[in-house]
Structure formats: structure tokens, C-alpha cells
């Protein structure tokens, strides 16, 4: 897969999520959410879910798990996704022809 494939998959996923998301909660998650809502007193429970997604995303980026998954599935990193270019494209390494070792030193 490639950077273009990743971009297409993110776009498709974004379109599929929509503005509202219905999530079923197990007992443990419901208890944890109730405790957080009581302690943090957000205006709405939705705010806690948004914060949780941001925290999960940030920790996944910080620990390198996101880069690992992206490199495994799409052969790109998060930085390459953000820039819209692979490292090879950024450095120009993909612009040079491959070296032919048999003819390298021939004039």
C-alpha cells in the first residue's frame, strides 16, 4: 500500500463516521465514564469522549504505535502522511536511477 492508499482510506473512514456516533458501552466503561463525568463535570458526556479520543490519538503517536501500524500496512509514517510526501520524495532519493554495478565504472 502507499501514501495515496492511506489518504483514500482516511477520507473514506471520515465520511463514514458522520457527525454523531452511537457507541454501546460495557459495564466497566459505563462506570469509568460515570466517574469521570462526576469528577470533571463537563458540559456534556460527549466532551469526555472527544477528550478520550484525543488522548488515545496523542499517546499512540507519542509511543510510535501509529507509525508502526502505518509502516506495516501502508509503508509510510505519520509525518509522511501529514506532509503528503514520502521521505524518498522529500529528499529526492526517488529521482535518481538505480545504479548498475556492472557498468558503474565504465566510461
Protein backbone atom coordinates (compact mmCIF):
# COMPACT_ATOMS: atom_id res chain seq x y z
CA UNK A 1 0.00 0.00 0.00
CA UNK A 2 1.06 3.61 -0.36
CA UNK A 3 0.51 7.15 0.87
CA UNK A 4 -2.30 7.57 -1.66
CA UNK A 5 -4.00 4.41 -0.36
CA UNK A 6 -3.76 5.73 3.22
CA UNK A 7 -5.19 9.09 2.22
CA UNK A 8 -8.09 7.40 0.42
CA UNK A 9 -8.79 5.10 3.39
CA UNK A 10 -8.76 8.02 5.87
CA UNK A 11 -11.10 10.02 3.64
CA UNK A 12 -13.49 7.06 3.33
CA UNK A 13 -13.42 6.44 7.08
CA UNK A 14 -14.00 10.13 7.84
CA UNK A 15 -17.03 10.19 5.53
CA UNK A 16 -18.39 7.01 7.12
CA UNK A 17 -18.22 8.30 10.68
CA UNK A 18 -20.57 11.23 10.25
CA UNK A 19 -21.27 13.89 12.86
CA UNK A 20 -22.76 11.63 15.51
CA UNK A 21 -21.64 8.22 16.60
CA UNK A 22 -23.64 5.75 18.65
CA UNK A 23 -21.48 3.58 20.85
CA UNK A 24 -22.59 0.75 23.09
CA UNK A 25 -20.80 0.64 26.44
CA UNK A 26 -19.97 -2.32 28.60
CA UNK A 27 -20.41 -2.14 32.37
CA UNK A 28 -16.79 -1.24 33.12
CA UNK A 29 -16.69 1.54 30.55
CA UNK A 30 -20.00 2.93 31.76
CA UNK A 31 -18.71 3.01 35.37
CA UNK A 32 -15.49 4.72 34.32
CA UNK A 33 -17.38 7.26 32.22
CA UNK A 34 -19.75 7.99 35.10
CA UNK A 35 -16.84 8.57 37.49
CA UNK A 36 -15.08 10.86 35.01
CA UNK A 37 -18.28 12.78 34.36
CA UNK A 38 -18.85 13.25 38.08
CA UNK A 39 -15.27 14.32 38.79
CA UNK A 40 -14.61 16.51 35.75
CA UNK A 41 -18.12 17.96 35.36
CA UNK A 42 -18.06 18.54 31.59
CA UNK A 43 -20.97 20.32 29.93
CA UNK A 44 -21.88 17.07 28.18
CA UNK A 45 -20.69 13.47 28.24
CA UNK A 46 -19.73 13.87 24.58
CA UNK A 47 -16.92 16.19 25.67
CA UNK A 48 -15.31 13.37 27.68
CA UNK A 49 -15.46 11.06 24.69
CA UNK A 50 -13.83 13.71 22.48
CA UNK A 51 -11.07 14.18 25.09
CA UNK A 52 -10.55 10.42 25.32
CA UNK A 53 -10.12 10.13 21.55
CA UNK A 54 -7.60 13.00 21.56
CA UNK A 55 -5.66 11.38 24.42
CA UNK A 56 -5.64 7.96 22.73
CA UNK A 57 -4.51 9.51 19.47
CA UNK A 58 -1.73 11.52 21.16
CA UNK A 59 -0.43 8.57 23.16
CA UNK A 60 -0.48 6.38 20.04
CA UNK A 61 1.57 8.99 18.18
CA UNK A 62 3.95 9.60 21.12
CA UNK A 63 4.71 5.92 21.68
CA UNK A 64 5.33 5.25 17.99
CA UNK A 65 2.47 2.76 17.71
CA UNK A 66 0.79 4.79 14.98
CA UNK A 67 3.98 4.92 12.89
CA UNK A 68 4.46 1.18 13.39
CA UNK A 69 0.93 0.41 12.18
CA UNK A 70 1.15 2.81 9.26
CA UNK A 71 4.57 1.49 8.22
CA UNK A 72 3.30 -2.10 8.46
CA UNK A 73 0.12 -1.51 6.47
CA UNK A 74 0.91 1.43 4.16
CA UNK A 75 4.72 1.76 4.19
CA UNK A 76 4.53 5.39 5.37
CA UNK A 77 4.83 7.24 8.69
CA UNK A 78 2.51 9.78 10.27
CA UNK A 79 4.92 12.60 9.34
CA UNK A 80 4.85 11.45 5.72
CA UNK A 81 1.05 11.39 5.83
CA UNK A 82 0.94 14.93 7.25
CA UNK A 83 3.33 16.27 4.62
CA UNK A 84 1.68 14.36 1.79
CA UNK A 85 5.07 13.11 0.65
CA UNK A 86 7.17 10.06 1.42
CA UNK A 87 10.69 10.50 2.79
CA UNK A 88 12.11 9.48 -0.58
CA UNK A 89 10.05 12.17 -2.30
CA UNK A 90 11.12 14.79 0.27
CA UNK A 91 14.83 14.05 -0.16
CA UNK A 92 14.74 13.43 -3.89
CA UNK A 93 16.09 9.91 -3.46
CA UNK A 94 13.41 8.51 -5.77
CA UNK A 95 14.54 10.77 -8.65
CA UNK A 96 17.85 9.07 -9.33
CA UNK A 97 18.12 5.97 -11.50
CA UNK A 98 19.28 2.77 -9.86
CA UNK A 99 22.97 2.04 -10.14
CA UNK A 100 24.07 -0.69 -12.48
CA UNK A 101 27.07 -2.26 -10.69
CA UNK A 102 28.38 -3.90 -13.86
CA UNK A 103 28.57 -0.62 -15.72
CA UNK A 104 29.29 1.71 -12.79
CA UNK A 105 32.97 2.33 -13.58
CA UNK A 106 32.84 2.08 -17.36
CA UNK A 107 33.46 5.20 -19.39
